[in-house]
């Protein structure tokens, strides 16, 4: 009979594995700094592409709708404003991504610490319940165990434990 506490812990661990297991183990395999850096690189790339797309749309709108002449534009000022806009957007999203990544990493770390504590606790819980254990050593308990072993051998047609036919003897050679 299985121990009740052991079954409860194993079911909690199975629920964790189903809900968060794979994703948490993938995140937990990185150091915090590496995970945040990797996450921010993707954010920076997407934000930069999005900002460049917005700037291109803005300049095309200015040229085609307002009819601004390209030759009369102050290119140096326009490029400076565009680069400052791009840097400001990337800095903002880097901060947001860092905060979000740190928060997510600490949640994963908290869940994994709880999971590892459950595994340690599971190792300390015995396999069988307290009911199955004999209270103390007596001759009667020992005799019951021997009888049980004999019945099991008869039931499964197992040879006795001290059967010499199963042992290997080296041939005598000189």
N, C-alpha and C. Protein backbone atom coordinates (compact mmCIF):
# COMPACT_ATOMS: atom_id res chain seq x y z
N UNK A 1 0.84 -1.18 0.00
CA UNK A 1 0.00 0.00 0.00
C UNK A 1 0.89 1.25 0.00
N UNK A 2 0.56 2.18 -0.84
CA UNK A 2 1.38 3.39 -0.96
C UNK A 2 1.09 4.37 0.18
N UNK A 3 2.07 5.13 0.51
CA UNK A 3 1.94 6.13 1.55
C UNK A 3 1.12 7.31 1.02
N UNK A 4 0.20 7.78 1.82
CA UNK A 4 -0.71 8.86 1.41
C UNK A 4 0.05 10.14 1.09
N UNK A 5 0.99 10.51 1.94
CA UNK A 5 1.77 11.74 1.72
C UNK A 5 2.60 11.64 0.44
N UNK A 6 3.11 10.46 0.18
CA UNK A 6 3.91 10.24 -1.03
C UNK A 6 3.05 10.42 -2.28
N UNK A 7 1.83 9.89 -2.24
CA UNK A 7 0.92 10.01 -3.38
C UNK A 7 0.53 11.47 -3.60
N UNK A 8 0.30 12.20 -2.53
CA UNK A 8 -0.06 13.62 -2.64
C UNK A 8 1.09 14.40 -3.27
N UNK A 9 2.30 14.18 -2.80
CA UNK A 9 3.46 14.89 -3.37
C UNK A 9 3.67 14.54 -4.84
N UNK A 10 3.52 13.27 -5.16
CA UNK A 10 3.71 12.87 -6.56
C UNK A 10 2.65 13.48 -7.46
N UNK A 11 1.42 13.60 -6.97
CA UNK A 11 0.38 14.21 -7.80
C UNK A 11 0.61 15.72 -7.95
N UNK A 12 1.10 16.38 -6.91
CA UNK A 12 1.43 17.80 -7.02
C UNK A 12 2.56 18.02 -8.01
N UNK A 13 3.54 17.14 -7.99
CA UNK A 13 4.65 17.25 -8.93
C UNK A 13 4.19 16.98 -10.37
N UNK A 14 3.24 16.08 -10.54
CA UNK A 14 2.71 15.80 -11.88
C UNK A 14 1.93 17.00 -12.41
N UNK A 15 1.17 17.66 -11.55
CA UNK A 15 0.44 18.86 -11.97
C UNK A 15 1.41 19.96 -12.37
N UNK A 16 2.48 20.14 -11.60
CA UNK A 16 3.49 21.13 -11.94
C UNK A 16 4.13 20.81 -13.29
N UNK A 17 4.50 19.53 -13.48
CA UNK A 17 5.12 19.14 -14.75
C UNK A 17 4.21 19.40 -15.93
N UNK A 18 2.92 19.17 -15.75
CA UNK A 18 1.99 19.38 -16.86
C UNK A 18 1.79 20.87 -17.15
N UNK A 19 1.72 21.67 -16.09
CA UNK A 19 1.44 23.10 -16.26
C UNK A 19 2.67 23.89 -16.69
N UNK A 20 3.73 23.78 -15.91
CA UNK A 20 4.89 24.65 -16.10
C UNK A 20 6.17 23.92 -16.45
N UNK A 21 6.21 22.63 -16.31
CA UNK A 21 7.44 21.84 -16.34
C UNK A 21 8.42 22.15 -17.44
N UNK A 22 8.03 21.98 -18.69
CA UNK A 22 8.97 22.15 -19.80
C UNK A 22 9.47 23.59 -19.92
N UNK A 23 8.55 24.54 -19.84
CA UNK A 23 8.94 25.96 -19.98
C UNK A 23 9.85 26.39 -18.84
N UNK A 24 9.51 25.99 -17.61
CA UNK A 24 10.32 26.39 -16.47
C UNK A 24 11.71 25.77 -16.53
N UNK A 25 11.80 24.53 -16.94
CA UNK A 25 13.11 23.89 -17.02
C UNK A 25 13.96 24.52 -18.11
N UNK A 26 13.33 24.96 -19.19
CA UNK A 26 14.09 25.64 -20.25
C UNK A 26 14.61 26.99 -19.76
N UNK A 27 13.78 27.75 -19.05
CA UNK A 27 14.20 29.06 -18.53
C UNK A 27 15.24 28.88 -17.42
N UNK A 28 15.02 27.88 -16.56
CA UNK A 28 15.90 27.66 -15.40
C UNK A 28 17.28 27.16 -15.82
N UNK A 29 17.41 26.68 -17.04
CA UNK A 29 18.71 26.20 -17.51
C UNK A 29 19.68 27.35 -17.79
N UNK A 30 19.16 28.58 -17.89
CA UNK A 30 20.01 29.76 -18.10
C UNK A 30 20.28 30.46 -16.78
N UNK A 31 21.38 31.19 -16.73
CA UNK A 31 21.58 32.13 -15.64
C UNK A 31 20.62 33.30 -15.86
N UNK A 32 20.32 34.03 -14.79
CA UNK A 32 19.36 35.13 -14.90
C UNK A 32 19.82 36.15 -15.93
N UNK A 33 21.07 36.55 -15.87
CA UNK A 33 21.58 37.57 -16.79
C UNK A 33 21.50 37.10 -18.25
N UNK A 34 21.84 35.84 -18.48
CA UNK A 34 21.80 35.30 -19.84
C UNK A 34 20.37 35.23 -20.37
N UNK A 35 19.45 34.82 -19.50
CA UNK A 35 18.05 34.73 -19.92
C UNK A 35 17.50 36.11 -20.29
N UNK A 36 17.79 37.11 -19.46
CA UNK A 36 17.30 38.46 -19.72
C UNK A 36 17.95 39.04 -20.97
N UNK A 37 19.24 38.82 -21.15
CA UNK A 37 19.93 39.30 -22.34
C UNK A 37 19.33 38.69 -23.60
N UNK A 38 19.10 37.41 -23.57
CA UNK A 38 18.54 36.72 -24.73
C UNK A 38 17.13 37.22 -25.04
N UNK A 39 16.34 37.40 -23.99
CA UNK A 39 14.98 37.89 -24.18
C UNK A 39 15.00 39.33 -24.72
N UNK A 40 15.91 40.17 -24.20
CA UNK A 40 15.98 41.56 -24.65
C UNK A 40 16.50 41.69 -26.08
N UNK A 41 17.35 40.79 -26.50
CA UNK A 41 17.84 40.86 -27.89
C UNK A 41 16.68 40.71 -28.88
N UNK A 42 15.78 39.81 -28.60
CA UNK A 42 14.62 39.63 -29.46
C UNK A 42 13.71 40.86 -29.42
N UNK A 43 13.53 41.41 -28.23
CA UNK A 43 12.70 42.62 -28.09
C UNK A 43 13.33 43.78 -28.84
N UNK A 44 14.64 43.97 -28.67
CA UNK A 44 15.33 45.07 -29.36
C UNK A 44 15.23 44.94 -30.88
N UNK A 45 15.41 43.75 -31.37
CA UNK A 45 15.33 43.53 -32.81
C UNK A 45 13.94 43.85 -33.35
N UNK A 46 12.92 43.35 -32.67
CA UNK A 46 11.54 43.61 -33.12
C UNK A 46 11.18 45.09 -33.02
N UNK A 47 11.60 45.74 -31.94
CA UNK A 47 11.30 47.17 -31.77
C UNK A 47 12.04 47.99 -32.82
N UNK A 48 13.28 47.65 -33.09
CA UNK A 48 14.03 48.40 -34.10
C UNK A 48 13.39 48.27 -35.48
N UNK A 49 13.00 47.06 -35.83
CA UNK A 49 12.33 46.87 -37.12
C UNK A 49 10.98 47.60 -37.18
N UNK A 50 10.25 47.54 -36.08
CA UNK A 50 8.97 48.25 -36.03
C UNK A 50 9.14 49.76 -36.11
N UNK A 51 10.14 50.29 -35.39
CA UNK A 51 10.39 51.74 -35.42
C UNK A 51 10.87 52.19 -36.80
N UNK A 52 11.72 51.39 -37.42
CA UNK A 52 12.15 51.73 -38.78
C UNK A 52 10.97 51.72 -39.76
N UNK A 53 10.08 50.77 -39.58
CA UNK A 53 8.88 50.73 -40.43
C UNK A 53 8.02 51.97 -40.20
N UNK A 54 7.84 52.36 -38.92
CA UNK A 54 7.05 53.57 -38.62
C UNK A 54 7.72 54.82 -39.19
N UNK A 55 9.04 54.93 -39.08
CA UNK A 55 9.75 56.09 -39.64
C UNK A 55 9.62 56.13 -41.17
N UNK A 56 9.72 54.98 -41.81
CA UNK A 56 9.57 54.94 -43.26
C UNK A 56 8.15 55.37 -43.66
N UNK A 57 7.16 54.90 -42.92
CA UNK A 57 5.78 55.29 -43.21
C UNK A 57 5.59 56.80 -42.99
N UNK A 58 6.21 57.34 -41.92
CA UNK A 58 6.11 58.77 -41.64
C UNK A 58 6.72 59.59 -42.78
N UNK A 59 7.93 59.20 -43.25
CA UNK A 59 8.58 59.96 -44.30
C UNK A 59 7.85 59.82 -45.63
N UNK A 60 7.34 58.66 -45.91
CA UNK A 60 6.54 58.50 -47.13
C UNK A 60 5.26 59.32 -47.07
N UNK A 61 4.65 59.39 -45.91
CA UNK A 61 3.45 60.22 -45.72
C UNK A 61 3.80 61.70 -45.94
N UNK A 62 4.92 62.12 -45.35
CA UNK A 62 5.34 63.52 -45.51
C UNK A 62 5.61 63.85 -46.99
N UNK A 63 6.23 62.94 -47.69
CA UNK A 63 6.61 63.21 -49.09
C UNK A 63 5.39 63.18 -50.00
N UNK A 64 4.57 62.16 -49.88
CA UNK A 64 3.48 61.99 -50.84
C UNK A 64 2.21 62.76 -50.48
N UNK A 65 1.89 62.92 -49.20
CA UNK A 65 0.66 63.61 -48.83
C UNK A 65 0.90 65.12 -48.75
N UNK A 66 1.92 65.54 -48.02
CA UNK A 66 2.18 66.97 -47.88
C UNK A 66 2.98 67.52 -49.05
N UNK A 67 3.58 66.67 -49.83
CA UNK A 67 4.33 67.12 -51.00
C UNK A 67 5.60 67.86 -50.64
N UNK A 68 6.27 67.44 -49.56
CA UNK A 68 7.53 68.08 -49.17
C UNK A 68 8.60 67.72 -50.20
N UNK A 69 9.34 68.70 -50.60
CA UNK A 69 10.42 68.49 -51.57
C UNK A 69 11.64 67.92 -50.83
N UNK A 70 12.17 66.83 -51.33
CA UNK A 70 13.30 66.16 -50.69
C UNK A 70 14.54 67.05 -50.71
N UNK A 71 14.67 67.85 -51.73
CA UNK A 71 15.87 68.70 -51.85
C UNK A 71 15.85 69.84 -50.85
N UNK A 72 14.66 70.23 -50.37
CA UNK A 72 14.60 71.33 -49.41
C UNK A 72 14.65 70.84 -47.96
N UNK A 73 14.63 69.55 -47.74
CA UNK A 73 14.66 68.98 -46.39
C UNK A 73 16.05 69.13 -45.76
N UNK A 74 16.05 69.33 -44.46
CA UNK A 74 17.30 69.33 -43.70
C UNK A 74 17.58 67.88 -43.31
N UNK A 75 18.34 67.20 -44.10
CA UNK A 75 18.57 65.76 -43.95
C UNK A 75 19.28 65.46 -42.64
N UNK A 76 20.25 66.28 -42.29
CA UNK A 76 21.00 66.02 -41.06
C UNK A 76 20.08 66.09 -39.84
N UNK A 77 19.20 67.08 -39.78
CA UNK A 77 18.27 67.21 -38.65
C UNK A 77 17.26 66.06 -38.66
N UNK A 78 16.78 65.66 -39.82
CA UNK A 78 15.80 64.58 -39.92
C UNK A 78 16.40 63.24 -39.47
N UNK A 79 17.62 62.97 -39.89
CA UNK A 79 18.28 61.73 -39.50
C UNK A 79 18.55 61.73 -38.00
N UNK A 80 18.99 62.88 -37.46
CA UNK A 80 19.25 62.99 -36.03
C UNK A 80 17.99 62.73 -35.23
N UNK A 81 16.87 63.34 -35.64
CA UNK A 81 15.59 63.13 -34.95
C UNK A 81 15.15 61.66 -35.05
N UNK A 82 15.34 61.07 -36.20
CA UNK A 82 14.95 59.67 -36.40
C UNK A 82 15.79 58.73 -35.52
N UNK A 83 17.09 58.97 -35.46
CA UNK A 83 17.97 58.12 -34.65
C UNK A 83 17.65 58.29 -33.17
N UNK A 84 17.38 59.54 -32.72
CA UNK A 84 17.01 59.76 -31.31
C UNK A 84 15.69 59.06 -30.98
N UNK A 85 14.74 59.13 -31.91
CA UNK A 85 13.46 58.43 -31.72
C UNK A 85 13.69 56.93 -31.60
N UNK A 86 14.51 56.39 -32.48
CA UNK A 86 14.80 54.96 -32.48
C UNK A 86 15.50 54.54 -31.18
N UNK A 87 16.48 55.32 -30.75
CA UNK A 87 17.20 55.00 -29.51
C UNK A 87 16.30 55.11 -28.28
N UNK A 88 15.43 56.12 -28.26
CA UNK A 88 14.52 56.29 -27.12
C UNK A 88 13.55 55.10 -27.04
N UNK A 89 13.00 54.70 -28.17
CA UNK A 89 12.08 53.57 -28.19
C UNK A 89 12.79 52.29 -27.75
N UNK A 90 14.00 52.07 -28.26
CA UNK A 90 14.74 50.86 -27.89
C UNK A 90 15.12 50.86 -26.41
N UNK A 91 15.50 52.01 -25.86
CA UNK A 91 15.85 52.09 -24.44
C UNK A 91 14.63 51.81 -23.57
N UNK A 92 13.49 52.36 -23.95
CA UNK A 92 12.26 52.14 -23.19
C UNK A 92 11.89 50.66 -23.19
N UNK A 93 11.91 50.03 -24.35
CA UNK A 93 11.53 48.62 -24.41
C UNK A 93 12.59 47.70 -23.80
N UNK A 94 13.83 48.13 -23.77
CA UNK A 94 14.86 47.36 -23.08
C UNK A 94 14.59 47.36 -21.58
N UNK A 95 14.23 48.51 -21.04
CA UNK A 95 13.88 48.59 -19.61
C UNK A 95 12.66 47.75 -19.30
N UNK A 96 11.64 47.85 -20.14
CA UNK A 96 10.42 47.07 -19.92
C UNK A 96 10.73 45.57 -20.02
N UNK A 97 11.52 45.18 -21.01
CA UNK A 97 11.89 43.78 -21.17
C UNK A 97 12.73 43.26 -20.02
N UNK A 98 13.63 44.08 -19.49
CA UNK A 98 14.45 43.68 -18.36
C UNK A 98 13.60 43.46 -17.12
N UNK A 99 12.69 44.38 -16.86
CA UNK A 99 11.80 44.23 -15.70
C UNK A 99 10.93 42.99 -15.85
N UNK A 100 10.35 42.81 -17.02
CA UNK A 100 9.49 41.66 -17.25
C UNK A 100 10.29 40.36 -17.18
N UNK A 101 11.45 40.31 -17.78
CA UNK A 101 12.28 39.11 -17.75
C UNK A 101 12.75 38.76 -16.35
N UNK A 102 13.13 39.76 -15.57
CA UNK A 102 13.55 39.53 -14.19
C UNK A 102 12.40 38.97 -13.37
N UNK A 103 11.24 39.56 -13.51
CA UNK A 103 10.06 39.10 -12.78
C UNK A 103 9.72 37.66 -13.17
N UNK A 104 9.76 37.37 -14.46
CA UNK A 104 9.44 36.02 -14.94
C UNK A 104 10.49 35.02 -14.45
N UNK A 105 11.76 35.40 -14.47
CA UNK A 105 12.81 34.49 -14.02
C UNK A 105 12.67 34.19 -12.53
N UNK A 106 12.34 35.21 -11.72
CA UNK A 106 12.19 34.97 -10.28
C UNK A 106 10.97 34.10 -9.99
N UNK A 107 9.91 34.23 -10.77
CA UNK A 107 8.76 33.34 -10.59
C UNK A 107 9.15 31.89 -10.92
N UNK A 108 9.88 31.72 -12.00
CA UNK A 108 10.33 30.37 -12.37
C UNK A 108 11.26 29.81 -11.29
N UNK A 109 12.15 30.64 -10.80
CA UNK A 109 13.09 30.20 -9.77
C UNK A 109 12.33 29.78 -8.50
N UNK A 110 11.32 30.53 -8.15
CA UNK A 110 10.51 30.22 -6.98
C UNK A 110 9.79 28.89 -7.16
N UNK A 111 9.20 28.68 -8.34
CA UNK A 111 8.50 27.42 -8.61
C UNK A 111 9.46 26.25 -8.64
N UNK A 112 10.63 26.44 -9.25
CA UNK A 112 11.61 25.35 -9.31
C UNK A 112 12.17 25.02 -7.92
N UNK A 113 12.38 26.03 -7.09
CA UNK A 113 12.84 25.75 -5.72
C UNK A 113 11.80 24.93 -4.96
N UNK A 114 10.54 25.27 -5.15
CA UNK A 114 9.45 24.53 -4.51
C UNK A 114 9.41 23.09 -5.05
N UNK A 115 9.61 22.94 -6.35
CA UNK A 115 9.61 21.62 -6.98
C UNK A 115 10.78 20.77 -6.45
N UNK A 116 11.96 21.37 -6.36
CA UNK A 116 13.12 20.64 -5.84
C UNK A 116 12.95 20.27 -4.37
N UNK A 117 12.30 21.16 -3.60
CA UNK A 117 12.02 20.84 -2.20
C UNK A 117 11.04 19.66 -2.11
N UNK A 118 10.07 19.62 -3.04
CA UNK A 118 9.14 18.48 -3.05
C UNK A 118 9.87 17.19 -3.37
N UNK A 119 10.84 17.23 -4.29
CA UNK A 119 11.57 16.01 -4.62
C UNK A 119 12.41 15.53 -3.43
N UNK A 120 13.01 16.47 -2.69
CA UNK A 120 13.78 16.08 -1.51
C UNK A 120 12.87 15.48 -0.45
N UNK A 121 11.70 16.10 -0.29
CA UNK A 121 10.74 15.59 0.69
C UNK A 121 10.23 14.21 0.27
N UNK A 122 10.05 14.02 -1.02
CA UNK A 122 9.59 12.73 -1.53
C UNK A 122 10.63 11.64 -1.28
N UNK A 123 11.90 12.00 -1.36
CA UNK A 123 12.95 11.02 -1.09
C UNK A 123 12.97 10.60 0.38
N UNK A 124 12.57 11.48 1.27
CA UNK A 124 12.60 11.17 2.69
C UNK A 124 11.39 10.35 3.14
N UNK A 125 10.30 10.37 2.37
CA UNK A 125 9.10 9.63 2.76
C UNK A 125 9.28 8.17 2.37
N UNK A 126 9.01 7.25 3.30
CA UNK A 126 9.17 5.84 2.96
C UNK A 126 8.13 5.39 1.94
N UNK A 127 8.43 4.30 1.24
CA UNK A 127 7.53 3.79 0.21
C UNK A 127 6.24 3.23 0.77
N UNK A 128 6.32 2.57 1.89
CA UNK A 128 5.13 1.93 2.45
C UNK A 128 4.60 2.73 3.62
N UNK A 129 3.32 2.55 3.90
CA UNK A 129 2.72 3.27 5.01
C UNK A 129 3.13 2.64 6.33
N UNK A 130 2.82 3.31 7.40
CA UNK A 130 3.19 2.84 8.72
C UNK A 130 2.44 1.56 9.10
N UNK A 131 1.29 1.32 8.51
CA UNK A 131 0.49 0.14 8.83
C UNK A 131 1.20 -1.13 8.40
N UNK A 132 1.93 -1.09 7.29
CA UNK A 132 2.58 -2.27 6.76
C UNK A 132 3.83 -2.67 7.53
N UNK A 133 4.37 -1.78 8.33
CA UNK A 133 5.59 -2.09 9.05
C UNK A 133 5.27 -2.85 10.34
N UNK A 134 6.08 -3.86 10.67
CA UNK A 134 5.86 -4.52 11.95
C UNK A 134 6.24 -3.58 13.08
N UNK A 135 5.56 -3.71 14.18
CA UNK A 135 5.79 -2.79 15.29
C UNK A 135 7.16 -3.00 15.92
N UNK A 136 7.52 -4.27 16.17
CA UNK A 136 8.84 -4.54 16.71
C UNK A 136 9.23 -5.95 16.33
N UNK A 137 10.48 -6.25 16.50
CA UNK A 137 10.98 -7.57 16.11
C UNK A 137 10.57 -8.59 17.17
N UNK A 138 9.90 -9.63 16.74
CA UNK A 138 9.57 -10.76 17.62
C UNK A 138 9.79 -12.04 16.83
N UNK A 139 9.82 -13.15 17.56
CA UNK A 139 9.98 -14.42 16.86
C UNK A 139 8.76 -14.74 16.00
N UNK A 140 7.60 -14.31 16.48
CA UNK A 140 6.38 -14.58 15.73
C UNK A 140 6.40 -13.81 14.40
N UNK A 141 6.85 -12.54 14.40
CA UNK A 141 6.96 -11.77 13.16
C UNK A 141 7.94 -12.42 12.20
N UNK A 142 9.06 -12.93 12.74
CA UNK A 142 10.04 -13.58 11.90
C UNK A 142 9.48 -14.87 11.29
N UNK A 143 8.73 -15.62 12.11
CA UNK A 143 8.12 -16.85 11.60
C UNK A 143 7.07 -16.52 10.54
N UNK A 144 6.29 -15.45 10.76
CA UNK A 144 5.30 -15.04 9.76
C UNK A 144 5.98 -14.66 8.44
N UNK A 145 7.11 -13.98 8.53
CA UNK A 145 7.83 -13.61 7.32
C UNK A 145 8.34 -14.83 6.58
N UNK A 146 8.87 -15.81 7.32
CA UNK A 146 9.34 -17.04 6.68
C UNK A 146 8.20 -17.79 6.00
N UNK A 147 7.06 -17.87 6.72
CA UNK A 147 5.90 -18.54 6.13
C UNK A 147 5.45 -17.83 4.87
N UNK A 148 5.46 -16.50 4.91
CA UNK A 148 5.06 -15.72 3.74
C UNK A 148 6.02 -15.98 2.58
N UNK A 149 7.31 -16.02 2.88
CA UNK A 149 8.28 -16.31 1.82
C UNK A 149 8.04 -17.69 1.22
N UNK A 150 7.75 -18.67 2.08
CA UNK A 150 7.51 -20.02 1.60
C UNK A 150 6.26 -20.08 0.73
N UNK A 151 5.19 -19.39 1.17
CA UNK A 151 3.96 -19.36 0.38
C UNK A 151 4.19 -18.68 -0.97
N UNK A 152 4.97 -17.58 -0.97
CA UNK A 152 5.26 -16.88 -2.22
C UNK A 152 6.06 -17.76 -3.17
N UNK A 153 7.04 -18.51 -2.63
CA UNK A 153 7.81 -19.41 -3.48
C UNK A 153 6.93 -20.49 -4.08
N UNK A 154 6.04 -21.02 -3.25
CA UNK A 154 5.14 -22.05 -3.76
C UNK A 154 4.19 -21.48 -4.80
N UNK A 155 3.74 -20.27 -4.54
CA UNK A 155 2.77 -19.65 -5.45
C UNK A 155 3.39 -19.37 -6.81
N UNK A 156 4.60 -18.86 -6.83
CA UNK A 156 5.23 -18.48 -8.09
C UNK A 156 6.23 -19.52 -8.58
N UNK A 157 6.30 -20.66 -7.90
CA UNK A 157 7.20 -21.74 -8.28
C UNK A 157 8.66 -21.28 -8.31
N UNK A 158 9.01 -20.52 -7.32
CA UNK A 158 10.38 -20.02 -7.24
C UNK A 158 11.22 -21.00 -6.43
N UNK A 159 12.47 -21.18 -6.80
CA UNK A 159 13.33 -22.06 -6.01
C UNK A 159 13.63 -21.43 -4.66
N UNK A 160 13.96 -22.19 -3.69
CA UNK A 160 14.31 -21.61 -2.38
C UNK A 160 15.58 -20.76 -2.50
N UNK A 161 15.74 -19.88 -1.53
CA UNK A 161 16.85 -18.93 -1.60
C UNK A 161 18.22 -19.60 -1.52
N UNK A 162 18.32 -20.71 -0.82
CA UNK A 162 19.63 -21.34 -0.66
C UNK A 162 19.81 -22.51 -1.63
N UNK A 163 19.20 -22.43 -2.77
CA UNK A 163 19.33 -23.48 -3.78
C UNK A 163 20.72 -23.42 -4.39
N UNK A 164 21.43 -24.52 -4.33
CA UNK A 164 22.80 -24.54 -4.82
C UNK A 164 22.88 -24.77 -6.32
N UNK A 165 21.78 -25.14 -6.94
CA UNK A 165 21.81 -25.39 -8.37
C UNK A 165 22.04 -24.09 -9.16
N UNK A 166 21.70 -22.97 -8.57
CA UNK A 166 21.80 -21.71 -9.28
C UNK A 166 23.18 -21.07 -9.19
N UNK A 167 24.01 -21.58 -8.33
CA UNK A 167 25.33 -20.99 -8.18
C UNK A 167 26.29 -21.59 -9.19
N UNK A 168 27.23 -20.81 -9.60
CA UNK A 168 28.22 -21.24 -10.58
C UNK A 168 29.48 -21.66 -9.86
N UNK A 169 29.92 -22.86 -10.17
CA UNK A 169 31.17 -23.33 -9.56
C UNK A 169 32.20 -23.47 -10.66
N UNK A 170 33.36 -22.95 -10.42
CA UNK A 170 34.45 -23.08 -11.39
C UNK A 170 34.93 -24.51 -11.42
N UNK A 171 35.19 -24.99 -12.59
CA UNK A 171 35.74 -26.35 -12.63
C UNK A 171 37.15 -26.36 -12.05
N UNK A 172 37.46 -27.49 -11.42
CA UNK A 172 38.77 -27.61 -10.79
C UNK A 172 39.80 -27.90 -11.89
N UNK A 173 40.72 -27.00 -12.02
CA UNK A 173 41.79 -27.20 -12.99
C UNK A 173 43.12 -26.89 -12.35
N UNK A 174 44.12 -27.58 -12.81
CA UNK A 174 45.47 -27.32 -12.31
C UNK A 174 46.39 -27.01 -13.39
